[in-house]
């Protein structure tokens, strides 16, 4: 069975007048599998469909291959995230 690729999630933007209720900030980086408890539940709820698409070989229309940009569902402060497949380096690289 093929191993699922690692996914990195990066906070790329904040839109709205307030700060993130969970305390996230632009530039923060997470490992999807290792840091689930650190990422806001509203953001994770929005992230799951995109993560599945990336992990199982799909592509998000209009976005670079291996990436998905999405935002959380907080109407007061919209945090924008980028999920991307982490390519593991091989011995040949």
PDB file of N, CA and C in Angstrom:
ATOM      1  N   UNK A   1       0.846  -1.186   0.000  1.00  0.00           N
ATOM      2  CA  UNK A   1       0.000   0.000   0.000  1.00  0.00           C
ATOM      3  C   UNK A   1       0.885   1.240   0.000  1.00  0.00           C
ATOM      4  N   UNK A   2       0.574   2.168  -0.870  1.00  0.00           N
ATOM      5  CA  UNK A   2       1.369   3.390  -0.991  1.00  0.00           C
ATOM      6  C   UNK A   2       1.103   4.328   0.183  1.00  0.00           C
ATOM      7  N   UNK A   3       2.183   4.916   0.673  1.00  0.00           N
ATOM      8  CA  UNK A   3       2.084   5.846   1.801  1.00  0.00           C
ATOM      9  C   UNK A   3       1.452   7.165   1.348  1.00  0.00           C
ATOM     10  N   UNK A   4       0.558   7.691   2.186  1.00  0.00           N
ATOM     11  CA  UNK A   4      -0.060   8.985   1.867  1.00  0.00           C
ATOM     12  C   UNK A   4       0.996  10.078   1.955  1.00  0.00           C
ATOM     13  N   UNK A   5       0.970  11.039   1.023  1.00  0.00           N
ATOM     14  CA  UNK A   5       1.958  12.122   1.090  1.00  0.00           C
ATOM     15  C   UNK A   5       1.729  13.023   2.296  1.00  0.00           C
ATOM     16  N   UNK A   6       2.822  13.600   2.787  1.00  0.00           N
ATOM     17  CA  UNK A   6       2.727  14.567   3.886  1.00  0.00           C
ATOM     18  C   UNK A   6       2.137  15.861   3.330  1.00  0.00           C
ATOM     19  N   UNK A   7       1.386  16.534   4.173  1.00  0.00           N
ATOM     20  CA  UNK A   7       0.756  17.802   3.793  1.00  0.00           C
ATOM     21  C   UNK A   7       1.204  18.881   4.766  1.00  0.00           C
ATOM     22  N   UNK A   8       1.669  19.989   4.214  1.00  0.00           N
ATOM     23  CA  UNK A   8       2.035  21.159   5.010  1.00  0.00           C
ATOM     24  C   UNK A   8       0.938  22.206   4.814  1.00  0.00           C
ATOM     25  N   UNK A   9       0.509  22.814   5.906  1.00  0.00           N
ATOM     26  CA  UNK A   9      -0.495  23.881   5.865  1.00  0.00           C
ATOM     27  C   UNK A   9       0.151  25.156   6.383  1.00  0.00           C
ATOM     28  N   UNK A  10       0.051  26.225   5.599  1.00  0.00           N
ATOM     29  CA  UNK A  10       0.647  27.511   5.947  1.00  0.00           C
ATOM     30  C   UNK A  10      -0.438  28.581   5.972  1.00  0.00           C
ATOM     31  N   UNK A  11      -0.411  29.420   6.996  1.00  0.00           N
ATOM     32  CA  UNK A  11      -1.327  30.565   7.044  1.00  0.00           C
ATOM     33  C   UNK A  11      -0.730  31.638   6.134  1.00  0.00           C
ATOM     34  N   UNK A  12      -1.478  32.039   5.106  1.00  0.00           N
ATOM     35  CA  UNK A  12      -0.941  32.965   4.108  1.00  0.00           C
ATOM     36  C   UNK A  12      -1.520  34.375   4.162  1.00  0.00           C
ATOM     37  N   UNK A  13      -2.687  34.541   4.809  1.00  0.00           N
ATOM     38  CA  UNK A  13      -3.305  35.867   4.820  1.00  0.00           C
ATOM     39  C   UNK A  13      -4.365  35.916   5.925  1.00  0.00           C
ATOM     40  N   UNK A  14      -4.706  37.128   6.346  1.00  0.00           N
ATOM     41  CA  UNK A  14      -5.789  37.362   7.293  1.00  0.00           C
ATOM     42  C   UNK A  14      -6.640  38.482   6.724  1.00  0.00           C
ATOM     43  N   UNK A  15      -7.941  38.259   6.689  1.00  0.00           N
ATOM     44  CA  UNK A  15      -8.861  39.271   6.190  1.00  0.00           C
ATOM     45  C   UNK A  15      -9.921  39.529   7.243  1.00  0.00           C
ATOM     46  N   UNK A  16     -10.113  40.766   7.572  1.00  0.00           N
ATOM     47  CA  UNK A  16     -11.072  41.132   8.608  1.00  0.00           C
ATOM     48  C   UNK A  16     -10.420  42.070   9.611  1.00  0.00           C
ATOM     49  N   UNK A  17     -11.226  42.673  10.445  1.00  0.00           N
ATOM     50  CA  UNK A  17     -10.738  43.686  11.379  1.00  0.00           C
ATOM     51  C   UNK A  17     -10.165  43.100  12.661  1.00  0.00           C
ATOM     52  N   UNK A  18     -10.598  41.909  13.039  1.00  0.00           N
ATOM     53  CA  UNK A  18     -10.137  41.301  14.283  1.00  0.00           C
ATOM     54  C   UNK A  18      -8.998  40.322  14.012  1.00  0.00           C
ATOM     55  N   UNK A  19      -8.296  39.957  15.074  1.00  0.00           N
ATOM     56  CA  UNK A  19      -7.308  38.900  14.972  1.00  0.00           C
ATOM     57  C   UNK A  19      -8.011  37.554  15.012  1.00  0.00           C
ATOM     58  N   UNK A  20      -7.308  36.517  14.695  1.00  0.00           N
ATOM     59  CA  UNK A  20      -7.851  35.166  14.719  1.00  0.00           C
ATOM     60  C   UNK A  20      -8.232  34.787  16.148  1.00  0.00           C
ATOM     61  N   UNK A  21      -9.409  34.237  16.316  1.00  0.00           N
ATOM     62  CA  UNK A  21      -9.880  33.839  17.641  1.00  0.00           C
ATOM     63  C   UNK A  21      -9.042  32.706  18.228  1.00  0.00           C
ATOM     64  N   UNK A  22      -8.407  31.936  17.386  1.00  0.00           N
ATOM     65  CA  UNK A  22      -7.556  30.828  17.848  1.00  0.00           C
ATOM     66  C   UNK A  22      -6.104  31.277  18.007  1.00  0.00           C
ATOM     67  N   UNK A  23      -5.798  32.494  17.554  1.00  0.00           N
ATOM     68  CA  UNK A  23      -4.452  33.022  17.704  1.00  0.00           C
ATOM     69  C   UNK A  23      -3.517  32.733  16.547  1.00  0.00           C
ATOM     70  N   UNK A  24      -4.049  32.228  15.442  1.00  0.00           N
ATOM     71  CA  UNK A  24      -3.192  31.960  14.288  1.00  0.00           C
ATOM     72  C   UNK A  24      -2.714  33.278  13.679  1.00  0.00           C
ATOM     73  N   UNK A  25      -1.550  33.221  13.042  1.00  0.00           N
ATOM     74  CA  UNK A  25      -0.993  34.416  12.409  1.00  0.00           C
ATOM     75  C   UNK A  25      -0.352  34.035  11.075  1.00  0.00           C
ATOM     76  N   UNK A  26      -0.248  35.014  10.194  1.00  0.00           N
ATOM     77  CA  UNK A  26       0.350  34.800   8.878  1.00  0.00           C
ATOM     78  C   UNK A  26       1.776  34.291   9.057  1.00  0.00           C
ATOM     79  N   UNK A  27       2.115  33.266   8.303  1.00  0.00           N
ATOM     80  CA  UNK A  27       3.447  32.673   8.360  1.00  0.00           C
ATOM     81  C   UNK A  27       3.516  31.406   9.197  1.00  0.00           C
ATOM     82  N   UNK A  28       2.490  31.142   9.985  1.00  0.00           N
ATOM     83  CA  UNK A  28       2.460  29.935  10.818  1.00  0.00           C
ATOM     84  C   UNK A  28       2.359  28.705   9.909  1.00  0.00           C
ATOM     85  N   UNK A  29       3.100  27.647  10.252  1.00  0.00           N
ATOM     86  CA  UNK A  29       3.155  26.435   9.430  1.00  0.00           C
ATOM     87  C   UNK A  29       2.823  25.219  10.289  1.00  0.00           C
ATOM     88  N   UNK A  30       2.048  24.305   9.704  1.00  0.00           N
ATOM     89  CA  UNK A  30       1.620  23.102  10.403  1.00  0.00           C
ATOM     90  C   UNK A  30       1.853  21.865   9.539  1.00  0.00           C
ATOM     91  N   UNK A  31       2.113  20.746  10.184  1.00  0.00           N
ATOM     92  CA  UNK A  31       2.111  19.440   9.540  1.00  0.00           C
ATOM     93  C   UNK A  31       0.694  18.896   9.757  1.00  0.00           C
ATOM     94  N   UNK A  32      -0.013  18.590   8.694  1.00  0.00           N
ATOM     95  CA  UNK A  32      -1.408  18.175   8.793  1.00  0.00           C
ATOM     96  C   UNK A  32      -1.592  16.998   9.741  1.00  0.00           C
ATOM     97  N   UNK A  33      -0.729  16.005   9.667  1.00  0.00           N
ATOM     98  CA  UNK A  33      -0.887  14.806  10.499  1.00  0.00           C
ATOM     99  C   UNK A  33      -0.410  14.998  11.931  1.00  0.00           C
ATOM    100  N   UNK A  34       0.627  15.775  12.117  1.00  0.00           N
ATOM    101  CA  UNK A  34       1.239  15.931  13.441  1.00  0.00           C
ATOM    102  C   UNK A  34       0.626  17.053  14.276  1.00  0.00           C
ATOM    103  N   UNK A  35       0.082  18.074  13.627  1.00  0.00           N
ATOM    104  CA  UNK A  35      -0.354  19.286  14.341  1.00  0.00           C
ATOM    105  C   UNK A  35      -1.860  19.500  14.358  1.00  0.00           C
ATOM    106  N   UNK A  36      -2.626  18.468  14.150  1.00  0.00           N
ATOM    107  CA  UNK A  36      -4.084  18.643  14.074  1.00  0.00           C
ATOM    108  C   UNK A  36      -4.673  19.338  15.294  1.00  0.00           C
ATOM    109  N   UNK A  37      -4.209  19.054  16.475  1.00  0.00           N
ATOM    110  CA  UNK A  37      -4.735  19.676  17.676  1.00  0.00           C
ATOM    111  C   UNK A  37      -4.371  21.141  17.818  1.00  0.00           C
ATOM    112  N   UNK A  38      -3.395  21.598  17.055  1.00  0.00           N
ATOM    113  CA  UNK A  38      -2.972  23.004  17.123  1.00  0.00           C
ATOM    114  C   UNK A  38      -3.733  23.888  16.136  1.00  0.00           C
ATOM    115  N   UNK A  39      -4.337  23.282  15.133  1.00  0.00           N
ATOM    116  CA  UNK A  39      -5.028  24.050  14.099  1.00  0.00           C
ATOM    117  C   UNK A  39      -6.492  24.236  14.507  1.00  0.00           C
ATOM    118  N   UNK A  40      -6.994  25.430  14.313  1.00  0.00           N
ATOM    119  CA  UNK A  40      -8.374  25.767  14.644  1.00  0.00           C
ATOM    120  C   UNK A  40      -9.349  24.747  14.048  1.00  0.00           C
ATOM    121  N   UNK A  41     -10.317  24.287  14.837  1.00  0.00           N
ATOM    122  CA  UNK A  41     -11.295  23.322  14.320  1.00  0.00           C
ATOM    123  C   UNK A  41     -12.101  23.837  13.121  1.00  0.00           C
ATOM    124  N   UNK A  42     -12.393  25.142  13.086  1.00  0.00           N
ATOM    125  CA  UNK A  42     -13.118  25.680  11.920  1.00  0.00           C
ATOM    126  C   UNK A  42     -12.267  25.579  10.664  1.00  0.00           C
ATOM    127  N   UNK A  43     -10.970  25.844  10.795  1.00  0.00           N
ATOM    128  CA  UNK A  43     -10.062  25.735   9.645  1.00  0.00           C
ATOM    129  C   UNK A  43      -9.917  24.280   9.214  1.00  0.00           C
ATOM    130  N   UNK A  44      -9.807  23.367  10.183  1.00  0.00           N
ATOM    131  CA  UNK A  44      -9.668  21.946   9.852  1.00  0.00           C
ATOM    132  C   UNK A  44     -10.915  21.435   9.131  1.00  0.00           C
ATOM    133  N   UNK A  45     -12.070  21.898   9.560  1.00  0.00           N
ATOM    134  CA  UNK A  45     -13.311  21.488   8.909  1.00  0.00           C
ATOM    135  C   UNK A  45     -13.281  21.869   7.425  1.00  0.00           C
ATOM    136  N   UNK A  46     -12.775  23.043   7.138  1.00  0.00           N
ATOM    137  CA  UNK A  46     -12.677  23.506   5.751  1.00  0.00           C
ATOM    138  C   UNK A  46     -11.539  22.809   4.997  1.00  0.00           C
ATOM    139  N   UNK A  47     -10.490  22.422   5.706  1.00  0.00           N
ATOM    140  CA  UNK A  47      -9.312  21.834   5.082  1.00  0.00           C
ATOM    141  C   UNK A  47      -9.528  20.405   4.597  1.00  0.00           C
ATOM    142  N   UNK A  48     -10.319  19.607   5.323  1.00  0.00           N
ATOM    143  CA  UNK A  48     -10.433  18.180   5.026  1.00  0.00           C
ATOM    144  C   UNK A  48     -10.716  17.847   3.562  1.00  0.00           C
ATOM    145  N   UNK A  49     -11.696  18.474   2.902  1.00  0.00           N
ATOM    146  CA  UNK A  49     -11.940  18.104   1.499  1.00  0.00           C
ATOM    147  C   UNK A  49     -10.735  18.378   0.598  1.00  0.00           C
ATOM    148  N   UNK A  50     -10.050  19.476   0.839  1.00  0.00           N
ATOM    149  CA  UNK A  50      -8.881  19.814   0.026  1.00  0.00           C
ATOM    150  C   UNK A  50      -7.734  18.834   0.267  1.00  0.00           C
ATOM    151  N   UNK A  51      -7.537  18.448   1.523  1.00  0.00           N
ATOM    152  CA  UNK A  51      -6.487  17.495   1.858  1.00  0.00           C
ATOM    153  C   UNK A  51      -6.755  16.172   1.144  1.00  0.00           C
ATOM    154  N   UNK A  52      -7.994  15.705   1.183  1.00  0.00           N
ATOM    155  CA  UNK A  52      -8.332  14.456   0.497  1.00  0.00           C
ATOM    156  C   UNK A  52      -8.075  14.557  -1.001  1.00  0.00           C
ATOM    157  N   UNK A  53      -8.464  15.663  -1.598  1.00  0.00           N
ATOM    158  CA  UNK A  53      -8.219  15.845  -3.037  1.00  0.00           C
ATOM    159  C   UNK A  53      -6.732  15.741  -3.329  1.00  0.00           C
ATOM    160  N   UNK A  54      -5.898  16.452  -2.554  1.00  0.00           N
ATOM    161  CA  UNK A  54      -4.451  16.423  -2.784  1.00  0.00           C
ATOM    162  C   UNK A  54      -3.860  15.035  -2.544  1.00  0.00           C
ATOM    163  N   UNK A  55      -4.246  14.414  -1.453  1.00  0.00           N
ATOM    164  CA  UNK A  55      -3.663  13.110  -1.086  1.00  0.00           C
ATOM    165  C   UNK A  55      -4.004  12.000  -2.068  1.00  0.00           C
ATOM    166  N   UNK A  56      -5.116  12.106  -2.735  1.00  0.00           N
ATOM    167  CA  UNK A  56      -5.525  11.032  -3.624  1.00  0.00           C
ATOM    168  C   UNK A  56      -5.376  11.400  -5.100  1.00  0.00           C
ATOM    169  N   UNK A  57      -4.494  12.375  -5.364  1.00  0.00           N
ATOM    170  CA  UNK A  57      -4.093  12.650  -6.741  1.00  0.00           C
ATOM    171  C   UNK A  57      -4.920  13.664  -7.494  1.00  0.00           C
ATOM    172  N   UNK A  58      -5.859  14.312  -6.838  1.00  0.00           N
ATOM    173  CA  UNK A  58      -6.683  15.299  -7.524  1.00  0.00           C
ATOM    174  C   UNK A  58      -6.001  16.654  -7.633  1.00  0.00           C
ATOM    175  N   UNK A  59      -6.627  17.532  -8.379  1.00  0.00           N
ATOM    176  CA  UNK A  59      -6.112  18.886  -8.581  1.00  0.00           C
ATOM    177  C   UNK A  59      -7.256  19.867  -8.389  1.00  0.00           C
ATOM    178  N   UNK A  60      -6.971  20.981  -7.749  1.00  0.00           N
ATOM    179  CA  UNK A  60      -7.965  22.030  -7.539  1.00  0.00           C
ATOM    180  C   UNK A  60      -7.934  22.950  -8.766  1.00  0.00           C
ATOM    181  N   UNK A  61      -9.053  23.122  -9.473  1.00  0.00           N
ATOM    182  CA  UNK A  61      -9.057  23.988 -10.649  1.00  0.00           C
ATOM    183  C   UNK A  61      -8.538  25.391 -10.327  1.00  0.00           C
ATOM    184  N   UNK A  62      -7.660  25.886 -11.180  1.00  0.00           N
ATOM    185  CA  UNK A  62      -7.126  27.237 -11.025  1.00  0.00           C
ATOM    186  C   UNK A  62      -5.992  27.359 -10.023  1.00  0.00           C
ATOM    187  N   UNK A  63      -5.572  26.247  -9.432  1.00  0.00           N
ATOM    188  CA  UNK A  63      -4.486  26.294  -8.452  1.00  0.00           C
ATOM    189  C   UNK A  63      -3.344  25.392  -8.916  1.00  0.00           C
ATOM    190  N   UNK A  64      -2.151  25.718  -8.471  1.00  0.00           N
ATOM    191  CA  UNK A  64      -0.972  24.941  -8.870  1.00  0.00           C
ATOM    192  C   UNK A  64      -1.103  23.492  -8.413  1.00  0.00           C
ATOM    193  N   UNK A  65      -0.558  22.585  -9.193  1.00  0.00           N
ATOM    194  CA  UNK A  65      -0.608  21.168  -8.849  1.00  0.00           C
ATOM    195  C   UNK A  65       0.024  20.933  -7.481  1.00  0.00           C
ATOM    196  N   UNK A  66      -0.628  20.116  -6.674  1.00  0.00           N
ATOM    197  CA  UNK A  66      -0.105  19.795  -5.359  1.00  0.00           C
ATOM    198  C   UNK A  66      -0.393  20.833  -4.294  1.00  0.00           C
ATOM    199  N   UNK A  67      -1.222  21.840  -4.629  1.00  0.00           N
ATOM    200  CA  UNK A  67      -1.563  22.880  -3.653  1.00  0.00           C
ATOM    201  C   UNK A  67      -3.070  23.130  -3.637  1.00  0.00           C
ATOM    202  N   UNK A  68      -3.528  23.652  -2.514  1.00  0.00           N
ATOM    203  CA  UNK A  68      -4.932  24.043  -2.378  1.00  0.00           C
ATOM    204  C   UNK A  68      -4.983  25.225  -1.421  1.00  0.00           C
ATOM    205  N   UNK A  69      -5.579  26.305  -1.864  1.00  0.00           N
ATOM    206  CA  UNK A  69      -5.748  27.460  -0.995  1.00  0.00           C
ATOM    207  C   UNK A  69      -7.203  27.496  -0.542  1.00  0.00           C
ATOM    208  N   UNK A  70      -7.419  27.732   0.754  1.00  0.00           N
ATOM    209  CA  UNK A  70      -8.760  27.748   1.319  1.00  0.00           C
ATOM    210  C   UNK A  70      -8.766  28.705   2.504  1.00  0.00           C
ATOM    211  N   UNK A  71      -9.939  28.997   3.021  1.00  0.00           N
ATOM    212  CA  UNK A  71     -10.029  29.858   4.194  1.00  0.00           C
ATOM    213  C   UNK A  71     -10.941  29.217   5.239  1.00  0.00           C
ATOM    214  N   UNK A  72     -10.806  29.693   6.462  1.00  0.00           N
ATOM    215  CA  UNK A  72     -11.658  29.198   7.535  1.00  0.00           C
ATOM    216  C   UNK A  72     -13.051  29.801   7.377  1.00  0.00           C
ATOM    217  N   UNK A  73     -13.964  29.333   8.195  1.00  0.00           N
ATOM    218  CA  UNK A  73     -15.357  29.775   8.071  1.00  0.00           C
ATOM    219  C   UNK A  73     -15.749  30.870   9.055  1.00  0.00           C
ATOM    220  N   UNK A  74     -14.776  31.510   9.693  1.00  0.00           N
ATOM    221  CA  UNK A  74     -15.069  32.562  10.665  1.00  0.00           C
ATOM    222  C   UNK A  74     -15.343  33.877   9.922  1.00  0.00           C
ATOM    223  N   UNK A  75     -16.571  34.338   9.953  1.00  0.00           N
ATOM    224  CA  UNK A  75     -16.955  35.544   9.213  1.00  0.00           C
ATOM    225  C   UNK A  75     -16.331  36.814   9.776  1.00  0.00           C
ATOM    226  N   UNK A  76     -15.933  36.806  11.064  1.00  0.00           N
ATOM    227  CA  UNK A  76     -15.322  37.992  11.665  1.00  0.00           C
ATOM    228  C   UNK A  76     -13.873  38.171  11.215  1.00  0.00           C
ATOM    229  N   UNK A  77     -13.156  37.080  11.141  1.00  0.00           N
ATOM    230  CA  UNK A  77     -11.747  37.109  10.745  1.00  0.00           C
ATOM    231  C   UNK A  77     -11.471  35.913   9.871  1.00  0.00           C
ATOM    232  N   UNK A  78     -11.307  36.144   8.602  1.00  0.00           N
ATOM    233  CA  UNK A  78     -11.061  35.055   7.667  1.00  0.00           C
ATOM    234  C   UNK A  78      -9.560  34.823   7.572  1.00  0.00           C
ATOM    235  N   UNK A  79      -9.139  33.644   7.980  1.00  0.00           N
ATOM    236  CA  UNK A  79      -7.735  33.257   7.848  1.00  0.00           C
ATOM    237  C   UNK A  79      -7.606  32.420   6.586  1.00  0.00           C
ATOM    238  N   UNK A  80      -6.620  32.747   5.764  1.00  0.00           N
ATOM    239  CA  UNK A  80      -6.400  32.050   4.502  1.00  0.00           C
ATOM    240  C   UNK A  80      -5.235  31.085   4.693  1.00  0.00           C
ATOM    241  N   UNK A  81      -5.411  29.870   4.206  1.00  0.00           N
ATOM    242  CA  UNK A  81      -4.416  28.812   4.355  1.00  0.00           C
ATOM    243  C   UNK A  81      -4.038  28.249   2.991  1.00  0.00           C
ATOM    244  N   UNK A  82      -2.816  27.731   2.895  1.00  0.00           N
ATOM    245  CA  UNK A  82      -2.377  26.993   1.705  1.00  0.00           C
ATOM    246  C   UNK A  82      -1.951  25.608   2.174  1.00  0.00           C
ATOM    247  N   UNK A  83      -2.550  24.594   1.597  1.00  0.00           N
ATOM    248  CA  UNK A  83      -2.136  23.218   1.847  1.00  0.00           C
ATOM    249  C   UNK A  83      -1.293  22.792   0.650  1.00  0.00           C
ATOM    250  N   UNK A  84      -0.212  22.089   0.930  1.00  0.00           N
ATOM    251  CA  UNK A  84       0.632  21.628  -0.175  1.00  0.00           C
ATOM    252  C   UNK A  84       1.257  20.288   0.165  1.00  0.00           C
ATOM    253  N   UNK A  85       1.408  19.480  -0.869  1.00  0.00           N
ATOM    254  CA  UNK A  85       2.064  18.194  -0.715  1.00  0.00           C
ATOM    255  C   UNK A  85       3.547  18.457  -0.484  1.00  0.00           C
ATOM    256  N   UNK A  86       4.110  17.784   0.512  1.00  0.00           N
ATOM    257  CA  UNK A  86       5.542  17.890   0.792  1.00  0.00           C
ATOM    258  C   UNK A  86       6.217  16.758   0.044  1.00  0.00           C
ATOM    259  N   UNK A  87       6.996  17.116  -0.938  1.00  0.00           N
ATOM    260  CA  UNK A  87       7.703  16.115  -1.741  1.00  0.00           C
ATOM    261  C   UNK A  87       8.930  15.657  -0.985  1.00  0.00           C
ATOM    262  N   UNK A  88       9.002  14.372  -0.731  1.00  0.00           N
ATOM    263  CA  UNK A  88      10.169  13.832  -0.038  1.00  0.00           C
ATOM    264  C   UNK A  88      11.320  13.688  -1.027  1.00  0.00           C
ATOM    265  N   UNK A  89      12.483  14.120  -0.599  1.00  0.00           N
ATOM    266  CA  UNK A  89      13.658  14.026  -1.467  1.00  0.00           C
ATOM    267  C   UNK A  89      14.139  12.586  -1.508  1.00  0.00           C
ATOM    268  N   UNK A  90      14.580  12.174  -2.691  1.00  0.00           N
ATOM    269  CA  UNK A  90      15.121  10.839  -2.853  1.00  0.00           C
ATOM    270  C   UNK A  90      16.647  10.924  -2.843  1.00  0.00           C
ATOM    271  N   UNK A  91      17.297   9.784  -2.760  1.00  0.00           N
ATOM    272  CA  UNK A  91      18.759   9.754  -2.763  1.00  0.00           C
ATOM    273  C   UNK A  91      19.336  10.328  -4.048  1.00  0.00           C
ATOM    274  N   UNK A  92      18.569  10.265  -5.143  1.00  0.00           N
ATOM    275  CA  UNK A  92      19.034  10.758  -6.435  1.00  0.00           C
ATOM    276  C   UNK A  92      19.009  12.291  -6.508  1.00  0.00           C
ATOM    277  N   UNK A  93      18.296  12.941  -5.599  1.00  0.00           N
ATOM    278  CA  UNK A  93      18.172  14.408  -5.666  1.00  0.00           C
ATOM    279  C   UNK A  93      19.300  15.075  -4.926  1.00  0.00           C
TER     280      UNK A  93
END
